[in-house]
Protein backbone atom coordinates (compact mmCIF):
# COMPACT_ATOMS: atom_id res chain seq x y z
CA MET A 1 12.89 11.06 11.64
CA SER A 2 9.63 12.78 10.76
CA TYR A 3 8.66 14.55 7.55
CA ASN A 4 5.73 16.93 7.22
CA ILE A 5 3.42 17.88 4.39
CA THR A 6 0.46 20.25 4.41
CA ALA A 7 -2.73 19.35 2.58
CA LYS A 8 -4.70 22.46 1.60
CA GLY A 9 -8.35 22.69 0.61
CA VAL A 10 -9.52 19.97 2.99
CA SER A 11 -13.30 19.84 3.26
CA PRO A 12 -14.78 20.70 6.69
CA THR A 13 -16.62 17.38 6.56
CA THR A 14 -13.45 15.34 6.07
CA SER A 15 -12.34 13.57 9.24
CA LYS A 16 -8.83 12.99 10.54
CA ALA A 17 -9.32 9.26 9.99
CA GLU A 18 -10.18 9.81 6.32
CA ILE A 19 -7.07 11.93 5.81
CA LYS A 20 -4.87 9.35 7.51
CA LYS A 21 -6.36 6.55 5.43
CA TYR A 22 -5.74 8.48 2.22
CA PHE A 23 -2.12 9.30 2.95
CA SER A 24 -1.39 5.85 4.39
CA PHE A 25 -1.26 4.68 0.79
CA CYS A 26 1.90 6.79 0.53
CA GLY A 27 3.55 5.26 3.59
CA LYS A 28 3.56 5.16 7.36
CA VAL A 29 1.62 8.11 8.81
CA LYS A 30 2.78 9.11 12.28
CA SER A 31 0.18 11.81 12.92
CA VAL A 32 -2.46 14.06 11.37
CA THR A 33 -3.40 17.52 12.63
CA ILE A 34 -6.32 19.49 11.19
CA ASP A 35 -6.68 23.27 11.27
CA GLU A 36 -10.40 23.86 10.85
CA GLU A 37 -10.02 27.61 10.32
CA THR A 38 -7.67 27.33 7.35
CA HIS A 39 -9.03 23.99 6.07
CA THR A 40 -5.56 22.49 6.08
CA ALA A 41 -4.13 19.27 7.47
CA THR A 42 -0.55 18.62 8.54
CA VAL A 43 0.45 15.02 7.87
CA THR A 44 3.63 13.63 9.43
CA PHE A 45 5.29 10.67 7.72
CA ALA A 46 7.95 8.35 9.08
CA ASN A 47 9.73 7.99 5.73
CA LEU A 48 10.83 10.49 3.09
CA GLU A 49 9.70 8.19 0.29
CA ALA A 50 6.14 8.63 1.54
CA VAL A 51 6.49 12.39 1.03
CA ARG A 52 7.61 11.85 -2.56
CA THR A 53 4.56 9.72 -3.22
CA ALA A 54 2.28 12.28 -1.57
CA LEU A 55 3.62 14.97 -3.89
CA LEU A 56 2.82 12.76 -6.88
CA ILE A 57 -0.84 12.59 -5.86
CA ALA A 58 -1.16 16.35 -5.38
CA ASP A 59 -4.54 17.50 -6.71
CA GLY A 60 -6.05 14.18 -5.70
CA GLN A 61 -9.48 14.10 -4.09
CA ILE A 62 -10.12 13.44 -0.41
CA GLY A 63 -13.80 13.19 0.36
CA ASP A 64 -15.64 15.77 -1.72
CA SER A 65 -12.76 18.16 -2.37
CA LYS A 66 -9.46 18.30 -4.23
CA VAL A 67 -6.40 19.08 -2.15
CA SER A 68 -3.06 20.66 -2.95
CA ILE A 69 0.09 19.58 -1.13
CA GLU A 70 3.05 21.55 0.19
CA VAL A 71 6.08 20.50 2.24
CA ASP A 72 7.79 22.36 5.07
CA ASP A 73 11.29 23.79 4.66
CA ALA A 74 13.04 21.02 6.59
CA THR A 75 11.41 18.29 4.51
CA LEU A 76 12.03 20.22 1.29
CA LYS A 77 15.72 20.38 2.15
CA LYS A 78 15.81 16.62 2.63
CA LEU A 79 14.06 16.08 -0.69
CA ASP A 80 16.79 18.09 -2.41
CA GLU A 81 19.56 15.92 -0.99
CA PRO A 82 21.11 13.12 -3.11
CA ARG A 83 19.14 9.89 -3.03
CA ALA A 84 22.15 7.57 -3.06
CA THR A 85 21.29 5.95 0.26
CA GLU A 86 17.54 5.91 -0.27
CA THR A 87 17.25 2.87 -2.49
CA VAL A 88 14.76 0.04 -2.35
CA GLU A 89 17.60 -2.26 -1.37
CA SER A 90 18.48 -0.30 1.76
CA ASP A 91 14.85 0.05 2.76
CA SER A 92 14.23 -3.62 2.10
CA LYS A 93 16.91 -4.58 4.60
CA THR A 94 15.00 -2.73 7.27
CA GLN A 95 11.76 -4.41 6.21
CA ASP A 96 13.45 -7.79 6.11
CA GLU A 97 14.98 -7.54 9.55
CA LYS A 98 12.20 -5.78 11.41
CA LYS A 99 8.81 -7.35 11.97
CA PRO A 100 6.08 -4.70 12.22
CA SER A 101 4.97 -4.02 15.77
CA THR A 102 1.49 -4.95 16.92
CA ALA A 103 0.66 -1.27 17.18
CA ASP A 104 1.69 -0.69 13.59
CA SER A 105 -0.35 -3.64 12.43
CA ASN A 106 -3.40 -2.43 14.30
CA ASP A 107 -3.01 1.06 12.88
CA ASP A 108 -2.89 -0.33 9.37
CA ALA A 109 -5.95 -2.45 9.94
CA ALA A 110 -7.82 0.49 11.38
CA ASP A 111 -6.85 2.72 8.50
CA GLY A 112 -8.09 0.21 5.96
CA ALA A 113 -5.39 1.41 3.61
CA ARG A 114 -3.09 -1.59 3.75
CA THR A 115 -3.60 -4.21 1.12
CA PRO A 116 -3.30 -7.95 1.80
CA GLU A 117 0.28 -8.31 0.61
CA SER A 118 1.47 -6.30 3.66
CA ILE A 119 4.51 -4.93 1.86
CA SER A 120 5.61 -1.47 2.95
CA GLN A 121 4.08 1.21 0.73
CA GLU A 122 7.43 3.01 0.54
CA LEU A 123 8.88 0.05 -1.36
CA LYS A 124 6.26 -0.20 -4.07
CA PRO A 125 6.29 1.28 -7.57
CA ARG A 126 4.19 4.45 -7.54
CA ALA A 127 2.01 3.19 -10.37
CA ALA A 128 1.10 0.17 -8.25
CA ILE A 129 0.22 2.39 -5.29
CA LEU A 130 -2.08 4.51 -7.44
CA ALA A 131 -3.76 1.37 -8.78
CA GLU A 132 -4.49 0.40 -5.17
CA MET A 133 -5.94 3.84 -4.48
CA LEU A 134 -8.20 3.69 -7.53
CA SER A 135 -9.39 0.22 -6.56
CA ASN A 136 -10.39 1.65 -3.18
CA GLY A 137 -12.56 4.29 -4.82
CA TYR A 138 -10.28 7.33 -4.78
CA VAL A 139 -10.42 9.75 -7.70
CA LEU A 140 -7.11 10.40 -9.48
CA SER A 141 -6.70 12.13 -12.82
CA ASP A 142 -4.79 10.61 -15.73
CA LYS A 143 -2.30 13.44 -15.27
CA VAL A 144 -1.53 12.12 -11.77
CA LEU A 145 -1.24 8.56 -13.07
CA GLU A 146 1.13 9.65 -15.82
CA ARG A 147 3.27 11.45 -13.22
CA ALA A 148 3.58 8.19 -11.30
CA ILE A 149 4.56 6.23 -14.40
CA ASP A 150 7.17 8.82 -15.36
CA TYR A 151 8.51 8.82 -11.79
CA ASP A 152 8.90 5.02 -11.77
CA LYS A 153 10.71 5.12 -15.10
CA GLU A 154 12.96 8.03 -14.19
CA HIS A 155 14.12 6.48 -10.92
CA GLY A 156 14.04 2.83 -11.98
CA ILE A 157 11.61 2.05 -9.17
CA THR A 158 9.92 -0.92 -10.82
CA ALA A 159 13.25 -2.56 -11.69
CA LYS A 160 14.55 -2.05 -8.14
CA PHE A 161 11.39 -3.47 -6.65
CA THR A 162 11.44 -6.47 -8.97
CA ASN A 163 15.05 -7.16 -7.95
CA TYR A 164 14.05 -6.82 -4.32
CA LEU A 165 11.27 -9.41 -4.71
CA THR A 166 13.59 -11.73 -6.60
CA ASP A 167 16.21 -11.49 -3.84
CA LEU A 168 13.59 -12.37 -1.23
CA ASP A 169 12.41 -15.31 -3.32
CA LYS A 170 15.94 -16.67 -3.62
CA LYS A 171 16.80 -16.07 0.02
CA TYR A 172 13.73 -17.68 1.53
CA HIS A 173 12.68 -19.97 -1.34
CA VAL A 174 9.10 -18.82 -0.92
CA VAL A 175 8.06 -18.65 -4.56
CA ASP A 176 8.14 -21.69 -6.81
CA LYS A 177 5.78 -21.54 -9.76
CA ALA A 178 6.42 -25.18 -10.52
CA GLN A 179 4.71 -26.18 -7.27
CA ALA A 180 1.15 -25.33 -6.33
CA THR A 181 0.95 -26.86 -2.86
CA ASP A 182 0.58 -24.83 0.29
CA GLN A 183 4.03 -26.00 1.33
CA ALA A 184 5.48 -24.35 -1.78
CA TYR A 185 4.47 -21.02 -0.33
CA GLY A 186 5.67 -21.70 3.21
CA ILE A 187 7.55 -18.88 4.89
CA THR A 188 9.57 -18.40 8.03
CA ALA A 189 7.94 -17.00 11.14
CA ARG A 190 10.11 -13.92 10.77
CA LEU A 191 8.46 -13.06 7.47
CA GLN A 192 4.94 -14.21 8.28
CA LYS A 193 3.36 -10.78 8.70
CA TYR A 194 5.46 -9.38 5.90
CA TRP A 195 4.86 -11.87 3.14
CA GLU A 196 2.16 -14.45 3.93
CA ASP A 197 -0.79 -12.84 2.17
CA ALA A 198 1.16 -12.10 -0.98
CA LEU A 199 1.95 -15.78 -1.41
CA ASN A 200 -1.03 -17.57 0.12
CA THR A 201 -3.87 -15.85 -1.74
CA SER A 202 -4.61 -15.54 -5.43
CA TYR A 203 -5.11 -11.83 -4.77
CA GLY A 204 -1.62 -11.40 -3.40
CA ARG A 205 0.04 -13.43 -6.13
CA LYS A 206 -1.65 -11.41 -8.86
CA ILE A 207 -0.55 -8.17 -7.19
CA ARG A 208 2.99 -9.51 -7.14
CA GLU A 209 2.81 -10.25 -10.86
CA TYR A 210 1.78 -6.66 -11.51
CA TYR A 211 4.71 -5.34 -9.49
CA SER A 212 7.05 -7.24 -11.78
CA GLU A 213 5.81 -5.36 -14.83
CA ALA A 214 6.09 -1.64 -15.49
CA ALA A 215 2.90 0.25 -16.29
CA LYS A 216 3.16 1.78 -19.76
CA GLU A 217 0.32 4.30 -19.60
CA ALA A 218 -2.56 5.53 -17.47
CA SER A 219 -4.93 2.92 -18.91
CA ASP A 220 -2.69 0.17 -17.48
CA ILE A 221 -3.18 1.58 -13.99
CA HIS A 222 -6.95 1.84 -14.50
CA ALA A 223 -7.02 -1.77 -15.70
CA GLU A 224 -5.02 -2.93 -12.69
CA ALA A 225 -7.29 -0.98 -10.35
CA ARG A 226 -10.32 -2.72 -11.82
CA ARG A 227 -8.63 -6.09 -11.44
CA LEU A 228 -7.71 -5.37 -7.82
CA ALA A 229 -11.29 -4.36 -7.06
CA ASP A 230 -12.62 -7.54 -8.69
CA LEU A 231 -10.14 -9.70 -6.80
CA LYS A 232 -11.12 -8.06 -3.53
CA GLU A 233 -14.77 -8.80 -4.22
CA GLN A 234 -13.91 -12.43 -4.93
CA GLU A 235 -11.88 -12.74 -1.74
CA LEU A 236 -14.65 -11.16 0.34
CA ALA A 237 -17.24 -13.47 -1.22
CA LYS A 238 -15.02 -16.46 -0.48
CA GLN A 239 -14.51 -15.37 3.13
CA ALA A 240 -18.25 -14.83 3.56
CA GLU A 241 -18.96 -18.30 2.19
CA GLU A 242 -16.37 -19.88 4.49
CA LYS A 243 -17.85 -18.03 7.46
CA LYS A 244 -21.33 -19.20 6.49
CA ASP A 245 -20.13 -22.82 6.23
CA LYS A 246 -18.46 -22.52 9.64
CA ILE A 247 -21.65 -21.21 11.25
CA THR A 248 -23.64 -24.02 9.65
CA GLU A 249 -21.12 -26.56 10.92
CA VAL A 250 -21.29 -25.23 14.48
CA THR A 251 -25.09 -25.14 14.36
CA ASP A 252 -25.23 -28.74 13.16
CA GLU A 253 -22.91 -29.83 15.98
CA LYS A 254 -25.13 -28.15 18.58
CA THR A 255 -28.21 -29.78 17.07
CA GLU A 256 -26.61 -33.21 17.22
CA LYS A 257 -25.62 -32.74 20.86
CA ALA A 258 -29.13 -31.60 21.74
């Protein structure tokens, strides 16, 4: 199914790609349509949980303007329905059994919104999602952060997500803190796209640790955002160094052959 929201107050200078990137933190974005006359954007999500997250970040800033968010009648009706079947466990089964398509992966890479752990945004605690957004330079007020914390507590999101991770760990034996070898973090081909980065990089493992703990206040989210940004810088520096070493190695080989 598809679920629509309308973002109002969109700046004329904000592109469709920027809007998609912003809302991709909430979940899978199927399409974005901009009405230049009314300065609004219609964003279509694939999952209702993404809509709930989008509503939490209402009054957030896209580009140089703050936007308000509204939902259409059909989506609003769905939001009012009981959530009994919309648990992390039921969503995790879909994630567990379906490997993302190449198209989906490419979209995520193009958006730049996906983080290295590659776990569906719809599954994550909202406080963790907002920490990711802050680490990517988005402006969110403490009021928005507090809404996310309250939401996680009210719906037991962090506990459900922690249980979900624990179940995956037990099922695939992919996390063993007593072992630090690469083999200790080996995963099946089925889960490679889904889980590899979270277990094979220090960045991913630290993110996972954060998911296992509930944020207590807005300052916790700010602190996590800073840590994510620092970890990203470290990973980028490491990748740049490895690339430099590789180029040097290739150059040396060519010199020797010459």
